[in-house]
C-alpha atoms as a PDB file:
ATOM      1  CA  MET A   1       9.762   4.690 -27.711  1.00  0.00           C
ATOM      2  CA  ALA A   2       6.133   4.027 -26.912  1.00  0.00           C
ATOM      3  CA  GLN A   3       3.669   6.819 -26.334  1.00  0.00           C
ATOM      4  CA  VAL A   4       0.749   6.817 -23.928  1.00  0.00           C
ATOM      5  CA  VAL A   5      -2.140   9.282 -23.956  1.00  0.00           C
ATOM      6  CA  VAL A   6      -4.039   9.836 -20.717  1.00  0.00           C
ATOM      7  CA  ARG A   7      -7.492  11.266 -21.220  1.00  0.00           C
ATOM      8  CA  GLN A   8      -9.900  12.749 -18.682  1.00  0.00           C
ATOM      9  CA  LEU A   9      -7.207  13.663 -16.166  1.00  0.00           C
ATOM     10  CA  GLY A  10      -8.632  16.122 -13.677  1.00  0.00           C
ATOM     11  CA  GLU A  11      -7.306  19.674 -13.637  1.00  0.00           C
ATOM     12  CA  ASP A  12      -6.391  19.270  -9.960  1.00  0.00           C
ATOM     13  CA  VAL A  13      -4.209  16.242 -10.777  1.00  0.00           C
ATOM     14  CA  LYS A  14      -2.605  18.080 -13.683  1.00  0.00           C
ATOM     15  CA  GLU A  15      -1.805  21.043 -11.431  1.00  0.00           C
ATOM     16  CA  ARG A  16      -0.353  18.808  -8.705  1.00  0.00           C
ATOM     17  CA  LEU A  17       1.830  17.084 -11.302  1.00  0.00           C
ATOM     18  CA  ARG A  18       3.012  20.479 -12.535  1.00  0.00           C
ATOM     19  CA  ARG A  19       3.935  21.592  -8.995  1.00  0.00           C
ATOM     20  CA  ARG A  20       5.637  18.282  -8.222  1.00  0.00           C
ATOM     21  CA  ALA A  21       7.651  18.500 -11.443  1.00  0.00           C
ATOM     22  CA  ALA A  22       8.728  22.051 -10.602  1.00  0.00           C
ATOM     23  CA  ARG A  23       9.826  20.977  -7.099  1.00  0.00           C
ATOM     24  CA  ASN A  24      11.933  18.200  -8.623  1.00  0.00           C
ATOM     25  CA  GLY A  25      13.384  20.336 -11.416  1.00  0.00           C
ATOM     26  CA  ARG A  26      11.742  18.318 -14.193  1.00  0.00           C
ATOM     27  CA  SER A  27       9.222  18.948 -16.914  1.00  0.00           C
ATOM     28  CA  VAL A  28       5.733  17.533 -16.349  1.00  0.00           C
ATOM     29  CA  GLU A  29       6.434  14.878 -18.981  1.00  0.00           C
ATOM     30  CA  ALA A  30       9.725  13.874 -17.303  1.00  0.00           C
ATOM     31  CA  GLU A  31       7.998  13.783 -13.909  1.00  0.00           C
ATOM     32  CA  ILE A  32       5.290  11.462 -15.242  1.00  0.00           C
ATOM     33  CA  ARG A  33       7.972   9.190 -16.751  1.00  0.00           C
ATOM     34  CA  HIS A  34       9.766   9.150 -13.377  1.00  0.00           C
ATOM     35  CA  ILE A  35       6.551   8.261 -11.498  1.00  0.00           C
ATOM     36  CA  LEU A  36       5.696   5.473 -13.955  1.00  0.00           C
ATOM     37  CA  ARG A  37       9.221   4.001 -13.908  1.00  0.00           C
ATOM     38  CA  LYS A  38       9.277   4.026 -10.120  1.00  0.00           C
ATOM     39  CA  ALA A  39       5.834   2.390  -9.917  1.00  0.00           C
ATOM     40  CA  VAL A  40       6.719  -0.350 -12.388  1.00  0.00           C
ATOM     41  CA  TYR A  41      10.162  -1.220 -11.041  1.00  0.00           C
ATOM     42  CA  GLU A  42       9.420  -1.070  -7.306  1.00  0.00           C
ATOM     43  CA  ASP A  43       9.525  -4.397  -5.510  1.00  0.00           C
ATOM     44  CA  PRO A  44       6.029  -5.183  -4.291  1.00  0.00           C
ATOM     45  CA  ALA A  45       5.668  -5.612  -0.549  1.00  0.00           C
ATOM     46  CA  PRO A  46       5.455  -9.258   0.429  1.00  0.00           C
ATOM     47  CA  VAL A  47       1.897 -10.363   1.144  1.00  0.00           C
ATOM     48  CA  THR A  48       1.489 -11.856   4.612  1.00  0.00           C
ATOM     49  CA  GLU A  49      -1.573 -13.371   6.197  1.00  0.00           C
ATOM     50  CA  LEU A  50      -3.635 -11.226   8.562  1.00  0.00           C
ATOM     51  CA  GLY A  51      -2.896 -13.360  11.642  1.00  0.00           C
ATOM     52  CA  SER A  52       0.843 -13.127  11.000  1.00  0.00           C
ATOM     53  CA  ARG A  53       0.623  -9.348  10.623  1.00  0.00           C
ATOM     54  CA  ILE A  54      -1.336  -9.028  13.880  1.00  0.00           C
ATOM     55  CA  ALA A  55       1.130 -11.259  15.748  1.00  0.00           C
ATOM     56  CA  ALA A  56       4.072  -9.251  14.368  1.00  0.00           C
ATOM     57  CA  ARG A  57       2.494  -5.969  15.410  1.00  0.00           C
ATOM     58  CA  PHE A  58       2.037  -7.114  19.013  1.00  0.00           C
ATOM     59  CA  ARG A  59       5.273  -9.096  19.323  1.00  0.00           C
ATOM     60  CA  GLY A  60       7.120  -7.974  22.425  1.00  0.00           C
ATOM     61  CA  VAL A  61       4.120  -6.328  24.123  1.00  0.00           C
ATOM     62  CA  GLY A  62       2.758  -9.229  26.116  1.00  0.00           C
ATOM     63  CA  LEU A  63       1.654 -11.863  23.611  1.00  0.00           C
ATOM     64  CA  ARG A  64       3.214 -15.019  25.045  1.00  0.00           C
ATOM     65  CA  ARG A  65       1.779 -17.736  22.812  1.00  0.00           C
ATOM     66  CA  GLN A  66       0.937 -18.293  19.179  1.00  0.00           C
ATOM     67  CA  LEU A  67      -2.559 -17.307  18.089  1.00  0.00           C
ATOM     68  CA  PRO A  68      -4.604 -20.318  16.972  1.00  0.00           C
ATOM     69  CA  GLU A  69      -5.730 -20.513  13.360  1.00  0.00           C
ATOM     70  CA  LEU A  70      -9.477 -19.891  13.228  1.00  0.00           C
ATOM     71  CA  ARG A  71     -10.078 -20.352   9.509  1.00  0.00           C
ATOM     72  CA  GLY A  72     -12.986 -22.708   8.859  1.00  0.00           C
ATOM     73  CA  GLN A  73     -14.306 -22.685  12.424  1.00  0.00           C
ATOM     74  CA  PRO A  74     -17.848 -21.501  13.124  1.00  0.00           C
ATOM     75  CA  PRO A  75     -18.145 -18.094  14.808  1.00  0.00           C
ATOM     76  CA  ARG A  76     -18.723 -18.128  18.562  1.00  0.00           C
ATOM     77  CA  GLY A  77     -19.368 -15.525  21.204  1.00  0.00           C
ATOM     78  CA  ALA A  78     -16.667 -14.200  23.488  1.00  0.00           C
ATOM     79  CA  ASP A  79     -16.231 -15.748  26.930  1.00  0.00           C
ATOM     80  CA  VAL A  80     -16.459 -12.790  29.311  1.00  0.00           C
ATOM     81  CA  GLY A  81     -16.391 -14.847  32.519  1.00  0.00           C
ATOM     82  CA  ARG A  82     -20.044 -14.665  33.586  1.00  0.00           C
END
């Protein structure tokens, strides 16, 4: 088994790890192993483009058409109907 040494870990982090380990019925070392395993084996969230995320957030609340892609277009002021 490999060993890892973590230096310069703040006392506050060490104390939080200790409390978390106690809550979960593990030693601090076992808790750290659990955290690392979970972090390494978790499936990363799929990366989506900003426009797609905005459209998904407002889907069903009045957005009736697709938002145009603005990448590469020069910035322009808003038309406020003057």
